[in-house]
Amino acid sequence: MSKFKKLNIKKFGDIQLTKLSIIAFVLLVLNLWEDAMSWVGQVHWGWFLGAMILFALRPIKKLLRK
């Protein structure tokens, strides 16, 4: 419980909290729906890496411009 007290939720912006809630939702779906979990296990890891890079390009470009 002490770790949660140290975490100041006001420091997080709405975008970060939205990201965390989406991650939690995806983990919930994977735990509750066996077909989704088996699909994730069957897909080659490179597809997920490619999607991560694709989705991260724009934010990284904005970060480097500043």
C-alpha atoms as a PDB file:
ATOM      1  CA  MET A   1       0.000   0.000   0.000  1.00  0.00           C
ATOM      2  CA  SER A   2       2.891   2.368   0.646  1.00  0.00           C
ATOM      3  CA  LYS A   3       3.893   2.264  -3.037  1.00  0.00           C
ATOM      4  CA  PHE A   4       0.452   3.540  -3.996  1.00  0.00           C
ATOM      5  CA  LYS A   5       0.682   6.369  -1.487  1.00  0.00           C
ATOM      6  CA  LYS A   6       4.009   7.465  -2.961  1.00  0.00           C
ATOM      7  CA  LEU A   7       2.523   7.513  -6.468  1.00  0.00           C
ATOM      8  CA  ASN A   8       1.147  10.984  -7.088  1.00  0.00           C
ATOM      9  CA  ILE A   9      -1.697  10.470  -9.555  1.00  0.00           C
ATOM     10  CA  LYS A  10      -1.819  14.202 -10.304  1.00  0.00           C
ATOM     11  CA  LYS A  11       1.565  13.986 -12.034  1.00  0.00           C
ATOM     12  CA  PHE A  12       0.082  11.758 -14.709  1.00  0.00           C
ATOM     13  CA  GLY A  13      -1.733  13.435 -17.540  1.00  0.00           C
ATOM     14  CA  ASP A  14      -4.965  12.248 -19.022  1.00  0.00           C
ATOM     15  CA  ILE A  15      -3.163  10.701 -21.968  1.00  0.00           C
ATOM     16  CA  GLN A  16      -0.934   8.562 -19.765  1.00  0.00           C
ATOM     17  CA  LEU A  17      -3.900   7.370 -17.734  1.00  0.00           C
ATOM     18  CA  THR A  18      -5.763   6.526 -20.930  1.00  0.00           C
ATOM     19  CA  LYS A  19      -2.787   4.477 -22.115  1.00  0.00           C
ATOM     20  CA  LEU A  20      -2.643   2.598 -18.823  1.00  0.00           C
ATOM     21  CA  SER A  21      -6.361   1.850 -18.953  1.00  0.00           C
ATOM     22  CA  ILE A  22      -6.028   0.506 -22.511  1.00  0.00           C
ATOM     23  CA  ILE A  23      -3.152  -1.742 -21.452  1.00  0.00           C
ATOM     24  CA  ALA A  24      -5.222  -3.032 -18.539  1.00  0.00           C
ATOM     25  CA  PHE A  25      -8.207  -3.648 -20.838  1.00  0.00           C
ATOM     26  CA  VAL A  26      -6.085  -5.595 -23.331  1.00  0.00           C
ATOM     27  CA  LEU A  27      -4.678  -7.762 -20.539  1.00  0.00           C
ATOM     28  CA  LEU A  28      -8.207  -8.363 -19.265  1.00  0.00           C
ATOM     29  CA  VAL A  29      -9.413  -9.436 -22.719  1.00  0.00           C
ATOM     30  CA  LEU A  30      -6.435 -11.745 -23.133  1.00  0.00           C
ATOM     31  CA  ASN A  31      -7.136 -13.375 -19.783  1.00  0.00           C
ATOM     32  CA  LEU A  32     -10.873 -13.782 -20.285  1.00  0.00           C
ATOM     33  CA  TRP A  33     -11.003 -14.727 -23.969  1.00  0.00           C
ATOM     34  CA  GLU A  34      -8.987 -17.836 -24.794  1.00  0.00           C
ATOM     35  CA  ASP A  35      -9.227 -17.340 -28.574  1.00  0.00           C
ATOM     36  CA  ALA A  36      -7.548 -13.939 -28.314  1.00  0.00           C
ATOM     37  CA  MET A  37      -4.739 -15.412 -26.243  1.00  0.00           C
ATOM     38  CA  SER A  38      -4.184 -18.238 -28.709  1.00  0.00           C
ATOM     39  CA  TRP A  39      -4.142 -15.715 -31.593  1.00  0.00           C
ATOM     40  CA  VAL A  40      -1.499 -13.634 -29.831  1.00  0.00           C
ATOM     41  CA  GLY A  41       0.553 -16.766 -29.286  1.00  0.00           C
ATOM     42  CA  GLN A  42       0.332 -17.773 -32.944  1.00  0.00           C
ATOM     43  CA  VAL A  43       1.249 -14.417 -34.491  1.00  0.00           C
ATOM     44  CA  HIS A  44       4.948 -13.901 -35.175  1.00  0.00           C
ATOM     45  CA  TRP A  45       6.517 -11.395 -32.771  1.00  0.00           C
ATOM     46  CA  GLY A  46       7.806  -9.315 -35.676  1.00  0.00           C
ATOM     47  CA  TRP A  47       4.291  -8.117 -36.498  1.00  0.00           C
ATOM     48  CA  PHE A  48       3.916  -6.661 -33.008  1.00  0.00           C
ATOM     49  CA  LEU A  49       7.366  -5.075 -33.241  1.00  0.00           C
ATOM     50  CA  GLY A  50       6.456  -3.530 -36.596  1.00  0.00           C
ATOM     51  CA  ALA A  51       3.191  -2.173 -35.212  1.00  0.00           C
ATOM     52  CA  MET A  52       5.013  -0.704 -32.215  1.00  0.00           C
ATOM     53  CA  ILE A  53       7.536   1.054 -34.442  1.00  0.00           C
ATOM     54  CA  LEU A  54       4.800   2.317 -36.759  1.00  0.00           C
ATOM     55  CA  PHE A  55       2.741   3.727 -33.895  1.00  0.00           C
ATOM     56  CA  ALA A  56       5.789   5.280 -32.209  1.00  0.00           C
ATOM     57  CA  LEU A  57       7.145   7.132 -35.253  1.00  0.00           C
ATOM     58  CA  ARG A  58       5.036  10.266 -34.950  1.00  0.00           C
ATOM     59  CA  PRO A  59       5.533  10.830 -31.205  1.00  0.00           C
ATOM     60  CA  ILE A  60       9.279  10.261 -31.537  1.00  0.00           C
ATOM     61  CA  LYS A  61       9.465  12.730 -34.433  1.00  0.00           C
ATOM     62  CA  LYS A  62       7.671  15.352 -32.326  1.00  0.00           C
ATOM     63  CA  LEU A  63       9.968  14.661 -29.381  1.00  0.00           C
ATOM     64  CA  LEU A  64      13.109  15.080 -31.467  1.00  0.00           C
ATOM     65  CA  ARG A  65      11.910  18.348 -33.059  1.00  0.00           C
ATOM     66  CA  LYS A  66      11.712  20.115 -29.693  1.00  0.00           C
END
